[in-house]
Amino acid sequence: MQNGREAHRPEAVRNSTEIKIYGNNRTGLLVDISKTLTERNIDVTSMNVRTSKQGTATITISFDISSVEELNKIIEKLRQIESVLDIERSAS
C-alpha cells in the first residue's frame, strides 16, 4: 500500500494464441466471427482467411487471452455460429 491506496497492479498476464476455424463459406461468416470476438473484448492480432474451390473456409485467427478457460468459452461461442464445422487450437 502506498499513501493508503493499493500500489498499481499490472494488467493480467495475456498469452497469445491461434485458432483455426473451418466452415462452409457464406456471406456474413467473417462478420459473425468478428462480432463474437468483439463482444468478448478480444483484440485480434492477426487473421488469415482462405476459401477452397469446394467452398470450405479456413480462418486462422491470432489473439491474446488471459486463461485457458477464456479460450474455451470463446471456442464454445464460435462453434455456435452457423456454418462453422470445426475449430482447433493451432500449435504455437
N, C-alpha and C. Protein backbone atom coordinates (compact mmCIF):
# COMPACT_ATOMS: atom_id res chain seq x y z
N MET A 1 0.84 -1.19 0.00
CA MET A 1 0.00 0.00 0.00
C MET A 1 0.88 1.24 0.00
N GLN A 2 0.44 2.21 -0.76
CA GLN A 2 1.15 3.48 -0.80
C GLN A 2 0.15 4.58 -0.50
N ASN A 3 0.45 5.39 0.49
CA ASN A 3 -0.42 6.50 0.86
C ASN A 3 -1.88 6.06 1.04
N GLY A 4 -2.09 4.91 1.68
CA GLY A 4 -3.45 4.45 1.93
C GLY A 4 -4.14 3.86 0.72
N ARG A 5 -3.46 3.79 -0.42
CA ARG A 5 -4.05 3.21 -1.62
C ARG A 5 -3.21 2.01 -2.05
N GLU A 6 -3.86 1.11 -2.78
CA GLU A 6 -3.12 -0.04 -3.28
C GLU A 6 -2.11 0.39 -4.32
N ALA A 7 -0.98 -0.26 -4.32
CA ALA A 7 0.03 0.01 -5.34
C ALA A 7 -0.53 -0.42 -6.69
N HIS A 8 -0.09 0.23 -7.76
CA HIS A 8 -0.55 -0.08 -9.11
C HIS A 8 -0.23 -1.53 -9.44
N ARG A 9 -1.24 -2.25 -9.90
CA ARG A 9 -1.06 -3.63 -10.30
C ARG A 9 -1.04 -3.71 -11.81
N PRO A 10 -0.10 -4.44 -12.36
CA PRO A 10 -0.10 -4.60 -13.82
C PRO A 10 -1.33 -5.40 -14.24
N GLU A 11 -1.74 -5.24 -15.51
CA GLU A 11 -2.88 -5.98 -16.02
C GLU A 11 -2.59 -7.47 -15.97
N ALA A 12 -3.64 -8.25 -16.01
CA ALA A 12 -3.48 -9.70 -16.00
C ALA A 12 -2.59 -10.12 -17.17
N VAL A 13 -1.82 -11.15 -16.95
CA VAL A 13 -0.94 -11.64 -18.00
C VAL A 13 -1.80 -12.19 -19.13
N ARG A 14 -1.47 -11.77 -20.35
CA ARG A 14 -2.21 -12.23 -21.52
C ARG A 14 -1.26 -13.02 -22.39
N ASN A 15 -1.74 -14.14 -22.87
CA ASN A 15 -0.94 -15.02 -23.71
C ASN A 15 -1.50 -15.05 -25.12
N SER A 16 -0.61 -15.05 -26.08
CA SER A 16 -1.02 -15.12 -27.47
C SER A 16 -1.44 -16.54 -27.82
N THR A 17 -2.53 -16.67 -28.56
CA THR A 17 -2.98 -17.97 -29.02
C THR A 17 -3.45 -17.86 -30.46
N GLU A 18 -3.55 -18.99 -31.12
CA GLU A 18 -4.01 -19.02 -32.50
C GLU A 18 -4.98 -20.17 -32.65
N ILE A 19 -6.10 -19.90 -33.32
CA ILE A 19 -7.07 -20.94 -33.60
C ILE A 19 -7.34 -20.98 -35.10
N LYS A 20 -7.79 -22.14 -35.56
CA LYS A 20 -8.24 -22.30 -36.94
C LYS A 20 -9.70 -22.69 -36.91
N ILE A 21 -10.48 -21.95 -37.68
CA ILE A 21 -11.91 -22.21 -37.78
C ILE A 21 -12.17 -22.73 -39.19
N TYR A 22 -12.86 -23.86 -39.28
CA TYR A 22 -13.23 -24.43 -40.56
C TYR A 22 -14.73 -24.31 -40.70
N GLY A 23 -15.18 -23.87 -41.87
CA GLY A 23 -16.61 -23.72 -42.06
C GLY A 23 -17.01 -23.71 -43.51
N ASN A 24 -18.30 -23.85 -43.75
CA ASN A 24 -18.83 -23.70 -45.09
C ASN A 24 -18.90 -22.21 -45.38
N ASN A 25 -18.23 -21.78 -46.44
CA ASN A 25 -18.18 -20.37 -46.76
C ASN A 25 -19.58 -19.83 -47.07
N ARG A 26 -19.86 -18.68 -46.52
CA ARG A 26 -21.13 -17.99 -46.78
C ARG A 26 -20.93 -16.51 -46.51
N THR A 27 -21.76 -15.69 -47.14
CA THR A 27 -21.74 -14.27 -46.88
C THR A 27 -22.10 -14.03 -45.42
N GLY A 28 -21.26 -13.28 -44.71
CA GLY A 28 -21.54 -12.96 -43.32
C GLY A 28 -20.81 -13.83 -42.31
N LEU A 29 -20.15 -14.89 -42.76
CA LEU A 29 -19.45 -15.77 -41.81
C LEU A 29 -18.37 -15.00 -41.05
N LEU A 30 -17.57 -14.24 -41.78
CA LEU A 30 -16.49 -13.48 -41.14
C LEU A 30 -17.07 -12.40 -40.20
N VAL A 31 -18.15 -11.80 -40.58
CA VAL A 31 -18.81 -10.80 -39.72
C VAL A 31 -19.27 -11.44 -38.42
N ASP A 32 -19.88 -12.61 -38.52
CA ASP A 32 -20.37 -13.30 -37.32
C ASP A 32 -19.22 -13.67 -36.38
N ILE A 33 -18.11 -14.12 -36.95
CA ILE A 33 -16.94 -14.47 -36.14
C ILE A 33 -16.38 -13.22 -35.48
N SER A 34 -16.22 -12.15 -36.25
CA SER A 34 -15.69 -10.89 -35.71
C SER A 34 -16.58 -10.34 -34.60
N LYS A 35 -17.89 -10.42 -34.80
CA LYS A 35 -18.84 -9.92 -33.80
C LYS A 35 -18.70 -10.69 -32.49
N THR A 36 -18.56 -12.01 -32.59
CA THR A 36 -18.41 -12.84 -31.40
C THR A 36 -17.15 -12.46 -30.63
N LEU A 37 -16.05 -12.24 -31.34
CA LEU A 37 -14.79 -11.84 -30.68
C LEU A 37 -14.91 -10.44 -30.08
N THR A 38 -15.54 -9.52 -30.80
CA THR A 38 -15.70 -8.15 -30.31
C THR A 38 -16.56 -8.11 -29.05
N GLU A 39 -17.61 -8.91 -29.00
CA GLU A 39 -18.49 -8.95 -27.82
C GLU A 39 -17.74 -9.41 -26.58
N ARG A 40 -16.65 -10.13 -26.76
CA ARG A 40 -15.84 -10.61 -25.63
C ARG A 40 -14.57 -9.79 -25.44
N ASN A 41 -14.52 -8.62 -26.08
CA ASN A 41 -13.38 -7.71 -25.98
C ASN A 41 -12.05 -8.37 -26.35
N ILE A 42 -12.09 -9.20 -27.38
CA ILE A 42 -10.88 -9.86 -27.86
C ILE A 42 -10.24 -8.99 -28.92
N ASP A 43 -8.98 -8.68 -28.73
CA ASP A 43 -8.22 -7.88 -29.68
C ASP A 43 -7.48 -8.83 -30.62
N VAL A 44 -7.96 -8.91 -31.86
CA VAL A 44 -7.35 -9.79 -32.85
C VAL A 44 -6.03 -9.19 -33.30
N THR A 45 -4.97 -9.99 -33.26
CA THR A 45 -3.65 -9.51 -33.68
C THR A 45 -3.31 -9.94 -35.11
N SER A 46 -3.98 -10.99 -35.60
CA SER A 46 -3.74 -11.47 -36.96
C SER A 46 -4.91 -12.31 -37.42
N MET A 47 -5.22 -12.21 -38.72
CA MET A 47 -6.30 -13.03 -39.27
C MET A 47 -5.97 -13.35 -40.72
N ASN A 48 -6.18 -14.62 -41.10
CA ASN A 48 -5.98 -15.04 -42.48
C ASN A 48 -7.17 -15.89 -42.87
N VAL A 49 -7.75 -15.58 -44.04
CA VAL A 49 -8.93 -16.29 -44.50
C VAL A 49 -8.66 -16.86 -45.88
N ARG A 50 -8.96 -18.15 -46.04
CA ARG A 50 -8.83 -18.80 -47.34
C ARG A 50 -10.08 -19.62 -47.59
N THR A 51 -10.47 -19.67 -48.85
CA THR A 51 -11.62 -20.48 -49.23
C THR A 51 -11.21 -21.43 -50.34
N SER A 52 -11.54 -22.71 -50.17
CA SER A 52 -11.21 -23.71 -51.18
C SER A 52 -12.21 -23.63 -52.33
N LYS A 53 -11.86 -24.28 -53.43
CA LYS A 53 -12.78 -24.34 -54.57
C LYS A 53 -14.06 -25.07 -54.21
N GLN A 54 -13.99 -25.93 -53.18
CA GLN A 54 -15.18 -26.66 -52.74
C GLN A 54 -16.06 -25.83 -51.81
N GLY A 55 -15.61 -24.60 -51.47
CA GLY A 55 -16.43 -23.71 -50.65
C GLY A 55 -16.18 -23.83 -49.15
N THR A 56 -15.07 -24.46 -48.76
CA THR A 56 -14.73 -24.56 -47.35
C THR A 56 -13.80 -23.41 -46.97
N ALA A 57 -14.18 -22.67 -45.96
CA ALA A 57 -13.37 -21.56 -45.47
C ALA A 57 -12.46 -22.04 -44.35
N THR A 58 -11.21 -21.59 -44.38
CA THR A 58 -10.27 -21.82 -43.28
C THR A 58 -9.86 -20.45 -42.78
N ILE A 59 -10.17 -20.16 -41.53
CA ILE A 59 -9.91 -18.84 -40.95
C ILE A 59 -8.96 -19.04 -39.78
N THR A 60 -7.76 -18.47 -39.91
CA THR A 60 -6.76 -18.56 -38.85
C THR A 60 -6.74 -17.21 -38.13
N ILE A 61 -6.93 -17.24 -36.82
CA ILE A 61 -7.01 -16.01 -36.03
C ILE A 61 -6.05 -16.09 -34.86
N SER A 62 -5.26 -15.03 -34.68
CA SER A 62 -4.38 -14.91 -33.51
C SER A 62 -4.92 -13.79 -32.63
N PHE A 63 -4.89 -14.03 -31.32
CA PHE A 63 -5.36 -13.03 -30.35
C PHE A 63 -4.78 -13.35 -28.99
N ASP A 64 -4.92 -12.41 -28.07
CA ASP A 64 -4.41 -12.60 -26.72
C ASP A 64 -5.55 -13.00 -25.79
N ILE A 65 -5.25 -13.94 -24.89
CA ILE A 65 -6.22 -14.38 -23.89
C ILE A 65 -5.55 -14.40 -22.53
N SER A 66 -6.37 -14.41 -21.48
CA SER A 66 -5.82 -14.40 -20.13
C SER A 66 -5.78 -15.79 -19.50
N SER A 67 -6.56 -16.74 -20.07
CA SER A 67 -6.60 -18.08 -19.46
C SER A 67 -7.14 -19.10 -20.46
N VAL A 68 -6.92 -20.35 -20.16
CA VAL A 68 -7.46 -21.44 -20.97
C VAL A 68 -8.98 -21.43 -20.87
N GLU A 69 -9.50 -21.09 -19.70
CA GLU A 69 -10.95 -21.02 -19.52
C GLU A 69 -11.56 -19.99 -20.47
N GLU A 70 -10.90 -18.83 -20.61
CA GLU A 70 -11.38 -17.81 -21.52
C GLU A 70 -11.38 -18.34 -22.95
N LEU A 71 -10.31 -19.01 -23.34
CA LEU A 71 -10.22 -19.58 -24.69
C LEU A 71 -11.34 -20.59 -24.91
N ASN A 72 -11.57 -21.46 -23.96
CA ASN A 72 -12.62 -22.47 -24.11
C ASN A 72 -14.00 -21.83 -24.27
N LYS A 73 -14.27 -20.75 -23.54
CA LYS A 73 -15.55 -20.05 -23.67
C LYS A 73 -15.69 -19.42 -25.05
N ILE A 74 -14.60 -18.85 -25.56
CA ILE A 74 -14.63 -18.24 -26.89
C ILE A 74 -14.89 -19.31 -27.95
N ILE A 75 -14.18 -20.42 -27.86
CA ILE A 75 -14.36 -21.50 -28.83
C ILE A 75 -15.79 -22.05 -28.77
N GLU A 76 -16.32 -22.18 -27.57
CA GLU A 76 -17.70 -22.67 -27.41
C GLU A 76 -18.68 -21.75 -28.14
N LYS A 77 -18.49 -20.44 -28.00
CA LYS A 77 -19.38 -19.48 -28.66
C LYS A 77 -19.19 -19.51 -30.18
N LEU A 78 -17.94 -19.61 -30.64
CA LEU A 78 -17.67 -19.65 -32.07
C LEU A 78 -18.30 -20.89 -32.71
N ARG A 79 -18.31 -22.00 -32.01
CA ARG A 79 -18.89 -23.25 -32.54
C ARG A 79 -20.40 -23.11 -32.79
N GLN A 80 -21.05 -22.17 -32.12
CA GLN A 80 -22.49 -21.97 -32.29
C GLN A 80 -22.84 -21.18 -33.54
N ILE A 81 -21.84 -20.62 -34.21
CA ILE A 81 -22.09 -19.81 -35.40
C ILE A 81 -22.49 -20.72 -36.57
N GLU A 82 -23.51 -20.31 -37.29
CA GLU A 82 -23.97 -21.05 -38.46
C GLU A 82 -22.82 -21.24 -39.44
N SER A 83 -22.68 -22.41 -39.99
CA SER A 83 -21.66 -22.79 -40.99
C SER A 83 -20.32 -23.20 -40.41
N VAL A 84 -20.08 -22.97 -39.11
CA VAL A 84 -18.81 -23.39 -38.52
C VAL A 84 -18.85 -24.91 -38.35
N LEU A 85 -17.83 -25.57 -38.93
CA LEU A 85 -17.77 -27.03 -38.88
C LEU A 85 -16.87 -27.54 -37.76
N ASP A 86 -15.72 -26.87 -37.57
CA ASP A 86 -14.75 -27.33 -36.58
C ASP A 86 -13.84 -26.17 -36.20
N ILE A 87 -13.26 -26.27 -35.01
CA ILE A 87 -12.29 -25.28 -34.54
C ILE A 87 -11.17 -26.05 -33.86
N GLU A 88 -9.95 -25.67 -34.17
CA GLU A 88 -8.81 -26.30 -33.49
C GLU A 88 -7.83 -25.22 -33.05
N ARG A 89 -7.16 -25.50 -31.97
CA ARG A 89 -6.12 -24.60 -31.50
C ARG A 89 -4.83 -24.95 -32.25
N SER A 90 -4.24 -23.97 -32.87
CA SER A 90 -3.01 -24.19 -33.62
C SER A 90 -1.84 -24.38 -32.66
N ALA A 91 -0.89 -25.17 -33.08
CA ALA A 91 0.34 -25.33 -32.30
C ALA A 91 1.15 -24.07 -32.49
N SER A 92 1.47 -23.41 -31.36
CA SER A 92 2.26 -22.18 -31.48
C SER A 92 3.41 -22.15 -30.53
